[in-house]
Amino acid sequence: MGTGLRIMIIDDSIDDQVLIKHYLEKEGFTNLLTFSSAIKAYEYLDDCIRNNKLRHLPDLMLVDIVMPTMGGIEFCQILKKQKMFANIPILMITSTEDLALLEKAFQAGASDFIHKPIKRIELIARVKQAIELQFQITQRQQAEEKLLHLARNIQQDLELAKQVQKHILSKPIQNKHLCIHAKYIPSVELSGDLYYWKQIGENKFGLIICDVRGHGIPGA
């Protein structure tokens, strides 16, 4: 499961960094980035964007909620305002039980929490859960994009068929003896109705009005 996934660990405690990295590597996660401050982590992310090194962006972030200069909540708020980082899961590492602070972290965009002291079972479970959830979100987004693309193609085809249908209808006839005109308003994009007229003699005109049962594509 860990192969290829890039995980960023941000914690000002070197001991916690080493412990988290050790647990993740034992589980097969080897593409790990560690930073001792949110500032340094943000500089790394900014460099990736500026130099178009998008493949170096993390798939998941583990961020200590309390750090000097910039804490995990502020870091999360800044990232979640940027489209490039909006969908990257952020797990907050915390030793606090302050519900108001935890709620603030969720409001900032955190996906979940890992409590200190770090326990291997909890760490791995929450990391895998976040990755699985992100995978499902990505799959859904890709499916939605495919459906949207398909819907656009169908709409274009319907518009083309609509124009073809309108152009095969007879043009108005008007002379000093006769006026034949019609307005074609399909109930949906296409219609099963059809009219046609044609002069078939010096003073004779043939006219056909057809009403096919049904609407839309089946009727057409």
N, C-alpha and C. Protein backbone atom coordinates (compact mmCIF):
# COMPACT_ATOMS: atom_id res chain seq x y z
N MET A 1 0.82 -1.21 0.00
CA MET A 1 0.00 0.00 0.00
C MET A 1 0.85 1.26 0.00
N GLY A 2 2.03 1.19 0.66
CA GLY A 2 2.84 2.38 0.80
C GLY A 2 3.64 2.75 -0.44
N THR A 3 3.82 1.80 -1.36
CA THR A 3 4.65 2.03 -2.52
C THR A 3 4.18 3.24 -3.31
N GLY A 4 5.12 4.19 -3.53
CA GLY A 4 4.82 5.34 -4.37
C GLY A 4 4.15 6.49 -3.67
N LEU A 5 3.53 6.26 -2.53
CA LEU A 5 2.85 7.33 -1.82
C LEU A 5 3.87 8.19 -1.08
N ARG A 6 3.72 9.50 -1.22
CA ARG A 6 4.63 10.44 -0.59
C ARG A 6 3.95 11.05 0.63
N ILE A 7 4.55 10.85 1.79
CA ILE A 7 3.98 11.35 3.04
C ILE A 7 4.91 12.41 3.65
N MET A 8 4.34 13.55 3.99
CA MET A 8 5.10 14.62 4.62
C MET A 8 4.84 14.62 6.12
N ILE A 9 5.90 14.63 6.91
CA ILE A 9 5.82 14.65 8.36
C ILE A 9 6.36 15.99 8.85
N ILE A 10 5.54 16.76 9.56
CA ILE A 10 5.96 18.07 10.05
C ILE A 10 5.80 18.08 11.57
N ASP A 11 6.92 18.11 12.28
CA ASP A 11 6.88 18.08 13.74
C ASP A 11 8.18 18.68 14.27
N ASP A 12 8.08 19.60 15.23
CA ASP A 12 9.30 20.21 15.76
C ASP A 12 10.02 19.30 16.74
N SER A 13 9.40 18.18 17.09
CA SER A 13 10.06 17.19 17.95
C SER A 13 10.78 16.16 17.07
N ILE A 14 12.11 16.15 17.13
CA ILE A 14 12.89 15.19 16.34
C ILE A 14 12.56 13.76 16.75
N ASP A 15 12.34 13.56 18.05
CA ASP A 15 12.02 12.21 18.54
C ASP A 15 10.73 11.70 17.91
N ASP A 16 9.70 12.56 17.84
CA ASP A 16 8.43 12.16 17.23
C ASP A 16 8.60 11.93 15.73
N GLN A 17 9.41 12.76 15.08
CA GLN A 17 9.69 12.56 13.65
C GLN A 17 10.26 11.18 13.41
N VAL A 18 11.28 10.83 14.18
CA VAL A 18 11.97 9.54 14.02
C VAL A 18 11.02 8.38 14.30
N LEU A 19 10.20 8.52 15.33
CA LEU A 19 9.27 7.45 15.69
C LEU A 19 8.21 7.24 14.59
N ILE A 20 7.64 8.33 14.12
CA ILE A 20 6.62 8.24 13.06
C ILE A 20 7.22 7.63 11.80
N LYS A 21 8.39 8.10 11.45
CA LYS A 21 9.06 7.58 10.25
C LYS A 21 9.35 6.09 10.40
N HIS A 22 9.80 5.69 11.58
CA HIS A 22 10.09 4.27 11.83
C HIS A 22 8.84 3.41 11.67
N TYR A 23 7.74 3.84 12.26
CA TYR A 23 6.49 3.07 12.16
C TYR A 23 6.01 2.97 10.71
N LEU A 24 6.10 4.08 9.99
CA LEU A 24 5.61 4.08 8.60
C LEU A 24 6.50 3.22 7.70
N GLU A 25 7.81 3.29 7.90
CA GLU A 25 8.72 2.49 7.08
C GLU A 25 8.50 0.99 7.33
N LYS A 26 8.23 0.61 8.57
CA LYS A 26 7.96 -0.80 8.87
C LYS A 26 6.68 -1.28 8.17
N GLU A 27 5.77 -0.33 7.91
CA GLU A 27 4.51 -0.68 7.24
C GLU A 27 4.64 -0.63 5.72
N GLY A 28 5.81 -0.24 5.22
CA GLY A 28 6.03 -0.23 3.77
C GLY A 28 6.00 1.15 3.14
N PHE A 29 5.82 2.19 3.95
CA PHE A 29 5.84 3.56 3.42
C PHE A 29 7.28 4.06 3.45
N THR A 30 7.88 4.21 2.30
CA THR A 30 9.30 4.57 2.24
C THR A 30 9.54 5.96 1.64
N ASN A 31 8.53 6.54 1.00
CA ASN A 31 8.69 7.86 0.37
C ASN A 31 8.26 8.92 1.37
N LEU A 32 9.13 9.22 2.33
CA LEU A 32 8.77 10.09 3.45
C LEU A 32 9.60 11.37 3.44
N LEU A 33 8.95 12.48 3.76
CA LEU A 33 9.61 13.79 3.88
C LEU A 33 9.43 14.29 5.30
N THR A 34 10.48 14.74 5.94
CA THR A 34 10.37 15.23 7.31
C THR A 34 10.81 16.68 7.39
N PHE A 35 10.06 17.48 8.17
CA PHE A 35 10.37 18.89 8.38
C PHE A 35 10.16 19.22 9.86
N SER A 36 11.02 20.07 10.38
CA SER A 36 10.94 20.43 11.80
C SER A 36 10.09 21.68 12.03
N SER A 37 9.60 22.29 10.94
CA SER A 37 8.73 23.46 11.09
C SER A 37 7.79 23.55 9.90
N ALA A 38 6.63 24.20 10.15
CA ALA A 38 5.66 24.40 9.07
C ALA A 38 6.19 25.36 8.02
N ILE A 39 7.02 26.32 8.46
CA ILE A 39 7.61 27.28 7.53
C ILE A 39 8.47 26.57 6.49
N LYS A 40 9.34 25.67 6.95
CA LYS A 40 10.21 24.94 6.02
C LYS A 40 9.38 24.05 5.09
N ALA A 41 8.34 23.45 5.63
CA ALA A 41 7.48 22.59 4.81
C ALA A 41 6.78 23.41 3.73
N TYR A 42 6.31 24.59 4.11
CA TYR A 42 5.62 25.44 3.14
C TYR A 42 6.58 25.91 2.05
N GLU A 43 7.82 26.21 2.44
CA GLU A 43 8.84 26.63 1.45
C GLU A 43 9.08 25.51 0.45
N TYR A 44 9.10 24.28 0.94
CA TYR A 44 9.28 23.13 0.05
C TYR A 44 8.11 23.02 -0.93
N LEU A 45 6.89 23.14 -0.42
CA LEU A 45 5.69 23.05 -1.27
C LEU A 45 5.66 24.17 -2.29
N ASP A 46 6.02 25.37 -1.85
CA ASP A 46 6.04 26.52 -2.75
C ASP A 46 7.05 26.32 -3.86
N ASP A 47 8.20 25.74 -3.52
CA ASP A 47 9.22 25.46 -4.53
C ASP A 47 8.72 24.44 -5.55
N CYS A 48 7.99 23.44 -5.09
CA CYS A 48 7.42 22.44 -6.01
C CYS A 48 6.49 23.09 -7.02
N ILE A 49 5.67 24.03 -6.54
CA ILE A 49 4.71 24.70 -7.43
C ILE A 49 5.44 25.62 -8.40
N ARG A 50 6.35 26.43 -7.87
CA ARG A 50 7.05 27.42 -8.70
C ARG A 50 7.89 26.76 -9.79
N ASN A 51 8.47 25.61 -9.49
CA ASN A 51 9.35 24.94 -10.45
C ASN A 51 8.69 23.75 -11.13
N ASN A 52 7.36 23.69 -11.02
CA ASN A 52 6.57 22.67 -11.72
C ASN A 52 7.03 21.24 -11.39
N LYS A 53 7.34 21.04 -10.11
CA LYS A 53 7.74 19.69 -9.65
C LYS A 53 6.56 19.06 -8.90
N LEU A 54 5.44 18.97 -9.60
CA LEU A 54 4.20 18.53 -8.96
C LEU A 54 4.27 17.08 -8.48
N ARG A 55 5.09 16.29 -9.11
CA ARG A 55 5.20 14.87 -8.69
C ARG A 55 5.87 14.75 -7.32
N HIS A 56 6.49 15.84 -6.86
CA HIS A 56 7.13 15.83 -5.55
C HIS A 56 6.19 16.28 -4.44
N LEU A 57 4.97 16.67 -4.79
CA LEU A 57 4.00 17.06 -3.77
C LEU A 57 3.57 15.84 -2.97
N PRO A 58 3.26 16.01 -1.70
CA PRO A 58 2.86 14.86 -0.87
C PRO A 58 1.43 14.41 -1.18
N ASP A 59 1.18 13.14 -0.91
CA ASP A 59 -0.17 12.59 -1.02
C ASP A 59 -0.90 12.68 0.32
N LEU A 60 -0.12 12.87 1.39
CA LEU A 60 -0.68 12.93 2.73
C LEU A 60 0.27 13.71 3.62
N MET A 61 -0.29 14.46 4.58
CA MET A 61 0.55 15.22 5.51
C MET A 61 0.19 14.87 6.95
N LEU A 62 1.23 14.70 7.77
CA LEU A 62 1.08 14.54 9.21
C LEU A 62 1.68 15.80 9.84
N VAL A 63 0.85 16.59 10.52
CA VAL A 63 1.28 17.91 10.98
C VAL A 63 1.03 18.06 12.48
N ASP A 64 2.08 18.43 13.21
CA ASP A 64 1.94 18.71 14.64
C ASP A 64 1.07 19.95 14.81
N ILE A 65 0.12 19.89 15.70
CA ILE A 65 -0.81 20.99 15.86
C ILE A 65 -0.18 22.19 16.57
N VAL A 66 0.81 21.94 17.44
CA VAL A 66 1.47 23.02 18.18
C VAL A 66 2.94 23.07 17.81
N MET A 67 3.35 24.15 17.12
CA MET A 67 4.74 24.36 16.74
C MET A 67 5.05 25.85 16.84
N PRO A 68 6.31 26.20 17.05
CA PRO A 68 6.67 27.62 17.11
C PRO A 68 6.52 28.30 15.74
N THR A 69 6.33 29.60 15.76
CA THR A 69 6.22 30.46 14.58
C THR A 69 4.91 30.21 13.82
N MET A 70 4.74 29.02 13.29
CA MET A 70 3.49 28.67 12.59
C MET A 70 3.02 27.31 13.07
N GLY A 71 1.85 27.26 13.68
CA GLY A 71 1.29 26.01 14.16
C GLY A 71 0.59 25.24 13.06
N GLY A 72 0.18 24.02 13.38
CA GLY A 72 -0.46 23.17 12.39
C GLY A 72 -1.77 23.72 11.85
N ILE A 73 -2.55 24.39 12.70
CA ILE A 73 -3.84 24.93 12.27
C ILE A 73 -3.63 26.05 11.25
N GLU A 74 -2.72 26.97 11.53
CA GLU A 74 -2.44 28.05 10.59
C GLU A 74 -1.91 27.51 9.27
N PHE A 75 -1.02 26.53 9.36
CA PHE A 75 -0.46 25.89 8.17
C PHE A 75 -1.57 25.27 7.33
N CYS A 76 -2.49 24.58 8.00
CA CYS A 76 -3.62 23.94 7.32
C CYS A 76 -4.51 24.98 6.65
N GLN A 77 -4.80 26.07 7.35
CA GLN A 77 -5.64 27.13 6.79
C GLN A 77 -5.05 27.71 5.52
N ILE A 78 -3.74 27.94 5.54
CA ILE A 78 -3.07 28.51 4.37
C ILE A 78 -3.14 27.56 3.18
N LEU A 79 -2.88 26.28 3.43
CA LEU A 79 -2.87 25.31 2.33
C LEU A 79 -4.25 25.11 1.73
N LYS A 80 -5.26 25.00 2.58
CA LYS A 80 -6.60 24.66 2.11
C LYS A 80 -7.23 25.79 1.29
N LYS A 81 -6.65 26.98 1.34
CA LYS A 81 -7.14 28.08 0.52
C LYS A 81 -6.61 27.99 -0.91
N GLN A 82 -5.64 27.11 -1.14
CA GLN A 82 -5.02 26.98 -2.45
C GLN A 82 -5.51 25.69 -3.12
N LYS A 83 -5.98 25.83 -4.31
CA LYS A 83 -6.59 24.72 -5.04
C LYS A 83 -5.64 23.53 -5.16
N MET A 84 -4.36 23.81 -5.34
CA MET A 84 -3.38 22.75 -5.55
C MET A 84 -3.30 21.80 -4.35
N PHE A 85 -3.56 22.33 -3.14
CA PHE A 85 -3.42 21.54 -1.93
C PHE A 85 -4.75 21.17 -1.29
N ALA A 86 -5.82 21.64 -1.86
CA ALA A 86 -7.14 21.51 -1.22
C ALA A 86 -7.52 20.06 -0.93
N ASN A 87 -7.10 19.12 -1.78
CA ASN A 87 -7.54 17.73 -1.62
C ASN A 87 -6.51 16.84 -0.93
N ILE A 88 -5.39 17.41 -0.50
CA ILE A 88 -4.39 16.60 0.21
C ILE A 88 -4.84 16.41 1.66
N PRO A 89 -5.01 15.18 2.12
CA PRO A 89 -5.43 14.96 3.52
C PRO A 89 -4.36 15.42 4.50
N ILE A 90 -4.80 16.06 5.57
CA ILE A 90 -3.89 16.51 6.62
C ILE A 90 -4.34 15.90 7.94
N LEU A 91 -3.47 15.10 8.55
CA LEU A 91 -3.74 14.51 9.85
C LEU A 91 -2.98 15.31 10.90
N MET A 92 -3.69 15.82 11.89
CA MET A 92 -3.07 16.60 12.94
C MET A 92 -2.51 15.68 14.03
N ILE A 93 -1.28 15.96 14.45
CA ILE A 93 -0.65 15.23 15.56
C ILE A 93 -0.80 16.10 16.80
N THR A 94 -1.40 15.57 17.84
CA THR A 94 -1.69 16.43 18.99
C THR A 94 -1.66 15.66 20.31
N SER A 95 -1.28 16.39 21.36
CA SER A 95 -1.34 15.83 22.71
C SER A 95 -2.45 16.51 23.51
N THR A 96 -3.17 17.44 22.86
CA THR A 96 -4.19 18.20 23.57
C THR A 96 -5.53 17.47 23.56
N GLU A 97 -6.33 17.73 24.58
CA GLU A 97 -7.70 17.23 24.64
C GLU A 97 -8.67 18.41 24.57
N ASP A 98 -8.14 19.57 24.23
CA ASP A 98 -8.95 20.80 24.15
C ASP A 98 -9.90 20.68 22.95
N LEU A 99 -11.18 20.48 23.21
CA LEU A 99 -12.16 20.27 22.14
C LEU A 99 -12.30 21.49 21.25
N ALA A 100 -12.17 22.68 21.82
CA ALA A 100 -12.28 23.91 21.03
C ALA A 100 -11.14 23.98 20.01
N LEU A 101 -9.94 23.58 20.42
CA LEU A 101 -8.78 23.59 19.53
C LEU A 101 -8.92 22.54 18.44
N LEU A 102 -9.42 21.37 18.82
CA LEU A 102 -9.62 20.31 17.83
C LEU A 102 -10.68 20.70 16.81
N GLU A 103 -11.73 21.35 17.29
CA GLU A 103 -12.78 21.81 16.38
C GLU A 103 -12.23 22.85 15.41
N LYS A 104 -11.38 23.73 15.92
CA LYS A 104 -10.77 24.75 15.07
C LYS A 104 -9.90 24.11 13.99
N ALA A 105 -9.23 23.03 14.36
CA ALA A 105 -8.39 22.31 13.39
C ALA A 105 -9.25 21.68 12.29
N PHE A 106 -10.37 21.09 12.68
CA PHE A 106 -11.29 20.53 11.69
C PHE A 106 -11.81 21.62 10.76
N GLN A 107 -12.16 22.76 11.31
CA GLN A 107 -12.66 23.88 10.51
C GLN A 107 -11.59 24.39 9.54
N ALA A 108 -10.33 24.25 9.94
CA ALA A 108 -9.23 24.68 9.07
C ALA A 108 -9.01 23.72 7.91
N GLY A 109 -9.58 22.50 8.01
CA GLY A 109 -9.45 21.54 6.91
C GLY A 109 -8.76 20.24 7.27
N ALA A 110 -8.44 20.04 8.55
CA ALA A 110 -7.82 18.77 8.97
C ALA A 110 -8.77 17.61 8.73
N SER A 111 -8.21 16.47 8.33
CA SER A 111 -9.03 15.29 8.04
C SER A 111 -9.25 14.42 9.28
N ASP A 112 -8.24 14.36 10.16
CA ASP A 112 -8.33 13.48 11.32
C ASP A 112 -7.22 13.84 12.30
N PHE A 113 -7.13 13.10 13.41
CA PHE A 113 -6.14 13.35 14.45
C PHE A 113 -5.37 12.08 14.79
N ILE A 114 -4.13 12.29 15.21
CA ILE A 114 -3.31 11.22 15.78
C ILE A 114 -2.82 11.75 17.13
N HIS A 115 -3.07 11.01 18.16
CA HIS A 115 -2.74 11.49 19.50
C HIS A 115 -1.32 11.15 19.91
N LYS A 116 -0.73 12.07 20.67
CA LYS A 116 0.56 11.82 21.32
C LYS A 116 0.30 11.31 22.73
N PRO A 117 1.13 10.41 23.24
CA PRO A 117 2.28 9.79 22.56
C PRO A 117 1.85 8.90 21.40
N ILE A 118 2.66 8.88 20.36
CA ILE A 118 2.33 8.15 19.14
C ILE A 118 2.25 6.65 19.40
N LYS A 119 1.14 6.07 18.99
CA LYS A 119 0.96 4.61 19.08
C LYS A 119 0.93 4.05 17.65
N ARG A 120 1.69 3.03 17.41
CA ARG A 120 1.85 2.49 16.06
C ARG A 120 0.50 2.09 15.45
N ILE A 121 -0.33 1.37 16.22
CA ILE A 121 -1.60 0.88 15.69
C ILE A 121 -2.49 2.04 15.25
N GLU A 122 -2.59 3.07 16.10
CA GLU A 122 -3.43 4.22 15.76
C GLU A 122 -2.87 4.97 14.56
N LEU A 123 -1.56 5.18 14.54
CA LEU A 123 -0.92 5.90 13.43
C LEU A 123 -1.20 5.22 12.10
N ILE A 124 -0.92 3.92 12.03
CA ILE A 124 -1.08 3.19 10.76
C ILE A 124 -2.55 3.13 10.35
N ALA A 125 -3.43 2.92 11.33
CA ALA A 125 -4.87 2.83 11.01
C ALA A 125 -5.38 4.14 10.42
N ARG A 126 -5.00 5.26 11.02
CA ARG A 126 -5.50 6.55 10.54
C ARG A 126 -4.87 6.95 9.21
N VAL A 127 -3.61 6.60 9.03
CA VAL A 127 -2.95 6.88 7.75
C VAL A 127 -3.61 6.08 6.63
N LYS A 128 -3.83 4.79 6.86
CA LYS A 128 -4.46 3.95 5.83
C LYS A 128 -5.90 4.41 5.54
N GLN A 129 -6.59 4.80 6.61
CA GLN A 129 -7.96 5.27 6.43
C GLN A 129 -8.00 6.54 5.58
N ALA A 130 -7.07 7.46 5.85
CA ALA A 130 -7.01 8.70 5.09
C ALA A 130 -6.66 8.44 3.63
N ILE A 131 -5.74 7.51 3.39
CA ILE A 131 -5.35 7.19 2.02
C ILE A 131 -6.51 6.54 1.27
N GLU A 132 -7.21 5.63 1.93
CA GLU A 132 -8.35 4.96 1.30
C GLU A 132 -9.45 5.95 0.96
N LEU A 133 -9.72 6.86 1.89
CA LEU A 133 -10.75 7.88 1.65
C LEU A 133 -10.36 8.77 0.49
N GLN A 134 -9.08 9.17 0.45
CA GLN A 134 -8.61 10.03 -0.64
C GLN A 134 -8.69 9.30 -1.98
N PHE A 135 -8.39 8.00 -1.96
CA PHE A 135 -8.49 7.20 -3.19
C PHE A 135 -9.93 7.17 -3.70
N GLN A 136 -10.87 6.99 -2.79
CA GLN A 136 -12.29 6.96 -3.17
C GLN A 136 -12.73 8.32 -3.72
N ILE A 137 -12.27 9.40 -3.09
CA ILE A 137 -12.61 10.74 -3.56
C ILE A 137 -12.06 10.97 -4.97
N THR A 138 -10.80 10.54 -5.17
CA THR A 138 -10.18 10.70 -6.49
C THR A 138 -10.92 9.90 -7.55
N GLN A 139 -11.29 8.66 -7.21
CA GLN A 139 -12.03 7.82 -8.14
C GLN A 139 -13.37 8.45 -8.51
N ARG A 140 -14.05 9.01 -7.50
CA ARG A 140 -15.34 9.65 -7.74
C ARG A 140 -15.17 10.88 -8.63
N GLN A 141 -14.14 11.67 -8.37
CA GLN A 141 -13.90 12.87 -9.17
C GLN A 141 -13.60 12.50 -10.62
N GLN A 142 -12.81 11.45 -10.82
CA GLN A 142 -12.50 11.00 -12.17
C GLN A 142 -13.75 10.51 -12.89
N ALA A 143 -14.60 9.79 -12.15
CA ALA A 143 -15.86 9.30 -12.74
C ALA A 143 -16.76 10.47 -13.10
N GLU A 144 -16.82 11.48 -12.23
CA GLU A 144 -17.64 12.65 -12.50
C GLU A 144 -17.14 13.42 -13.71
N GLU A 145 -15.81 13.51 -13.85
CA GLU A 145 -15.22 14.19 -15.00
C GLU A 145 -15.54 13.45 -16.29
N LYS A 146 -15.50 12.10 -16.24
CA LYS A 146 -15.84 11.31 -17.42
C LYS A 146 -17.31 11.50 -17.80
N LEU A 147 -18.18 11.49 -16.78
CA LEU A 147 -19.60 11.69 -17.05
C LEU A 147 -19.88 13.08 -17.62
N LEU A 148 -19.17 14.07 -17.08
CA LEU A 148 -19.35 15.44 -17.57
C LEU A 148 -18.89 15.55 -19.02
N HIS A 149 -17.76 14.90 -19.33
CA HIS A 149 -17.26 14.90 -20.71
C HIS A 149 -18.24 14.21 -21.64
N LEU A 150 -18.78 13.07 -21.17
CA LEU A 150 -19.76 12.33 -21.97
C LEU A 150 -21.02 13.16 -22.18
N ALA A 151 -21.48 13.83 -21.12
CA ALA A 151 -22.68 14.66 -21.21
C ALA A 151 -22.49 15.80 -22.21
N ARG A 152 -21.30 16.40 -22.21
CA ARG A 152 -21.00 17.48 -23.15
C ARG A 152 -21.04 16.97 -24.58
N ASN A 153 -20.46 15.77 -24.80
CA ASN A 153 -20.47 15.19 -26.14
C ASN A 153 -21.89 14.89 -26.60
N ILE A 154 -22.70 14.34 -25.67
CA ILE A 154 -24.09 14.03 -26.00
C ILE A 154 -24.85 15.31 -26.34
N GLN A 155 -24.61 16.36 -25.56
CA GLN A 155 -25.28 17.63 -25.80
C GLN A 155 -24.90 18.21 -27.16
N GLN A 156 -23.62 18.08 -27.51
CA GLN A 156 -23.17 18.55 -28.83
C GLN A 156 -23.83 17.76 -29.95
N ASP A 157 -23.92 16.43 -29.75
CA ASP A 157 -24.57 15.58 -30.75
C ASP A 157 -26.05 15.93 -30.89
N LEU A 158 -26.70 16.17 -29.75
CA LEU A 158 -28.12 16.53 -29.78
C LEU A 158 -28.33 17.87 -30.49
N GLU A 159 -27.43 18.81 -30.24
CA GLU A 159 -27.55 20.11 -30.89
C GLU A 159 -27.37 19.98 -32.39
N LEU A 160 -26.42 19.14 -32.80
CA LEU A 160 -26.23 18.90 -34.23
C LEU A 160 -27.46 18.25 -34.85
N ALA A 161 -28.00 17.22 -34.16
CA ALA A 161 -29.20 16.55 -34.65
C ALA A 161 -30.39 17.51 -34.72
N LYS A 162 -30.47 18.41 -33.75
CA LYS A 162 -31.55 19.41 -33.72
C LYS A 162 -31.47 20.32 -34.94
N GLN A 163 -30.24 20.76 -35.25
CA GLN A 163 -30.07 21.64 -36.40
C GLN A 163 -30.39 20.92 -37.71
N VAL A 164 -29.97 19.64 -37.80
CA VAL A 164 -30.28 18.83 -38.99
C VAL A 164 -31.79 18.68 -39.13
N GLN A 165 -32.44 18.37 -38.01
CA GLN A 165 -33.89 18.18 -38.02
C GLN A 165 -34.62 19.45 -38.47
N LYS A 166 -34.17 20.58 -37.98
CA LYS A 166 -34.81 21.85 -38.35
C LYS A 166 -34.61 22.17 -39.83
N HIS A 167 -33.42 21.82 -40.37
CA HIS A 167 -33.11 22.19 -41.75
C HIS A 167 -33.78 21.29 -42.78
N ILE A 168 -34.27 20.12 -42.37
CA ILE A 168 -34.95 19.27 -43.35
C ILE A 168 -36.44 19.62 -43.44
N LEU A 169 -36.92 20.48 -42.56
CA LEU A 169 -38.32 20.91 -42.63
C LEU A 169 -38.51 21.89 -43.79
N SER A 170 -39.69 21.90 -44.28
CA SER A 170 -39.98 22.73 -45.45
C SER A 170 -39.89 24.22 -45.12
N LYS A 171 -39.43 24.98 -46.11
CA LYS A 171 -39.38 26.43 -45.96
C LYS A 171 -40.77 27.02 -46.21
N PRO A 172 -41.04 28.20 -45.66
CA PRO A 172 -42.36 28.82 -45.87
C PRO A 172 -42.65 29.05 -47.35
N ILE A 173 -43.94 28.97 -47.69
CA ILE A 173 -44.40 29.29 -49.04
C ILE A 173 -45.36 30.47 -48.94
N GLN A 174 -45.17 31.45 -49.77
CA GLN A 174 -46.08 32.60 -49.76
C GLN A 174 -46.15 33.19 -51.16
N ASN A 175 -47.37 33.23 -51.68
CA ASN A 175 -47.61 33.93 -52.94
C ASN A 175 -48.94 34.66 -52.84
N LYS A 176 -49.45 35.17 -53.94
CA LYS A 176 -50.68 35.97 -53.86
C LYS A 176 -51.92 35.14 -53.56
N HIS A 177 -51.80 33.79 -53.71
CA HIS A 177 -52.94 32.94 -53.45
C HIS A 177 -52.83 32.15 -52.14
N LEU A 178 -51.60 31.96 -51.65
CA LEU A 178 -51.43 31.00 -50.56
C LEU A 178 -50.24 31.38 -49.67
N CYS A 179 -50.40 31.08 -48.38
CA CYS A 179 -49.28 31.26 -47.44
C CYS A 179 -49.23 30.05 -46.52
N ILE A 180 -48.10 29.36 -46.54
CA ILE A 180 -47.92 28.22 -45.65
C ILE A 180 -46.67 28.50 -44.80
N HIS A 181 -46.86 28.50 -43.49
CA HIS A 181 -45.75 28.78 -42.58
C HIS A 181 -45.98 27.97 -41.30
N ALA A 182 -44.92 27.66 -40.62
CA ALA A 182 -45.05 26.90 -39.37
C ALA A 182 -43.93 27.29 -38.42
N LYS A 183 -44.18 27.12 -37.15
CA LYS A 183 -43.15 27.34 -36.14
C LYS A 183 -42.91 26.01 -35.43
N TYR A 184 -41.66 25.59 -35.41
CA TYR A 184 -41.30 24.28 -34.88
C TYR A 184 -40.68 24.44 -33.49
N ILE A 185 -41.39 23.97 -32.48
CA ILE A 185 -40.89 24.10 -31.10
C ILE A 185 -40.92 22.72 -30.45
N PRO A 186 -39.80 22.00 -30.47
CA PRO A 186 -39.76 20.68 -29.82
C PRO A 186 -39.88 20.81 -28.30
N SER A 187 -40.53 19.83 -27.67
CA SER A 187 -40.70 19.87 -26.22
C SER A 187 -39.38 19.65 -25.50
N VAL A 188 -38.45 18.89 -26.14
CA VAL A 188 -37.10 18.74 -25.63
C VAL A 188 -36.14 19.04 -26.79
N GLU A 189 -34.89 18.56 -26.71
CA GLU A 189 -33.92 18.89 -27.76
C GLU A 189 -34.39 18.44 -29.14
N LEU A 190 -34.96 17.23 -29.20
CA LEU A 190 -35.45 16.69 -30.46
C LEU A 190 -36.93 16.38 -30.33
N SER A 191 -37.56 16.20 -31.48
CA SER A 191 -38.99 15.91 -31.48
C SER A 191 -39.32 14.83 -32.49
N GLY A 192 -40.44 14.17 -32.28
CA GLY A 192 -40.90 13.17 -33.23
C GLY A 192 -41.87 13.73 -34.25
N ASP A 193 -42.15 15.01 -34.18
CA ASP A 193 -43.09 15.64 -35.11
C ASP A 193 -42.36 16.10 -36.38
N LEU A 194 -43.12 16.09 -37.46
CA LEU A 194 -42.54 16.46 -38.75
C LEU A 194 -43.61 17.05 -39.65
N TYR A 195 -43.24 18.08 -40.38
CA TYR A 195 -44.17 18.59 -41.40
C TYR A 195 -43.40 18.79 -42.71
N TYR A 196 -44.15 18.69 -43.79
CA TYR A 196 -43.53 18.82 -45.11
C TYR A 196 -44.59 19.25 -46.11
N TRP A 197 -44.23 20.20 -46.95
CA TRP A 197 -45.13 20.60 -48.01
C TRP A 197 -44.35 20.84 -49.29
N LYS A 198 -45.09 20.70 -50.43
CA LYS A 198 -44.44 20.84 -51.72
C LYS A 198 -45.50 21.14 -52.79
N GLN A 199 -45.14 22.00 -53.72
CA GLN A 199 -46.05 22.27 -54.84
C GLN A 199 -45.98 21.10 -55.80
N ILE A 200 -47.15 20.51 -56.09
CA ILE A 200 -47.18 19.31 -56.94
C ILE A 200 -47.91 19.55 -58.25
N GLY A 201 -48.37 20.76 -58.47
CA GLY A 201 -49.06 21.12 -59.71
C GLY A 201 -49.17 22.63 -59.77
N GLU A 202 -49.77 23.10 -60.89
CA GLU A 202 -49.86 24.56 -61.06
C GLU A 202 -50.62 25.21 -59.92
N ASN A 203 -51.68 24.58 -59.47
CA ASN A 203 -52.46 25.12 -58.36
C ASN A 203 -52.67 24.08 -57.26
N LYS A 204 -51.72 23.17 -57.16
CA LYS A 204 -51.85 22.12 -56.16
C LYS A 204 -50.62 22.07 -55.24
N PHE A 205 -50.90 21.87 -53.97
CA PHE A 205 -49.83 21.74 -52.98
C PHE A 205 -50.13 20.51 -52.11
N GLY A 206 -49.10 19.73 -51.86
CA GLY A 206 -49.24 18.60 -50.96
C GLY A 206 -48.67 18.98 -49.60
N LEU A 207 -49.34 18.52 -48.52
CA LEU A 207 -48.88 18.85 -47.17
C LEU A 207 -49.00 17.62 -46.27
N ILE A 208 -47.96 17.35 -45.54
CA ILE A 208 -47.94 16.20 -44.62
C ILE A 208 -47.59 16.70 -43.21
N ILE A 209 -48.35 16.24 -42.25
CA ILE A 209 -48.02 16.50 -40.85
C ILE A 209 -47.93 15.15 -40.15
N CYS A 210 -46.81 14.90 -39.53
CA CYS A 210 -46.55 13.61 -38.91
C CYS A 210 -46.32 13.81 -37.41
N ASP A 211 -46.95 12.99 -36.59
CA ASP A 211 -46.78 13.05 -35.14
C ASP A 211 -46.41 11.66 -34.64
N VAL A 212 -45.13 11.48 -34.37
CA VAL A 212 -44.64 10.18 -33.86
C VAL A 212 -44.84 10.15 -32.35
N ARG A 213 -45.30 9.04 -31.87
CA ARG A 213 -45.52 8.92 -30.42
C ARG A 213 -44.18 8.98 -29.66
N GLY A 214 -44.15 9.75 -28.62
CA GLY A 214 -42.95 9.85 -27.80
C GLY A 214 -42.25 11.20 -28.02
N HIS A 215 -41.27 11.44 -27.18
CA HIS A 215 -40.53 12.69 -27.23
C HIS A 215 -39.03 12.39 -27.30
N GLY A 216 -38.29 13.44 -27.60
CA GLY A 216 -36.84 13.32 -27.57
C GLY A 216 -36.27 12.39 -28.61
N ILE A 217 -35.19 11.70 -28.27
CA ILE A 217 -34.48 10.85 -29.23
C ILE A 217 -35.33 9.71 -29.75
N PRO A 218 -36.09 8.97 -28.91
CA PRO A 218 -36.91 7.87 -29.45
C PRO A 218 -37.92 8.36 -30.50
N GLY A 219 -38.57 9.50 -30.20
CA GLY A 219 -39.54 10.04 -31.15
C GLY A 219 -38.87 10.49 -32.44
N ALA A 220 -37.71 11.13 -32.30
CA ALA A 220 -37.01 11.62 -33.48
C ALA A 220 -36.54 10.46 -34.35
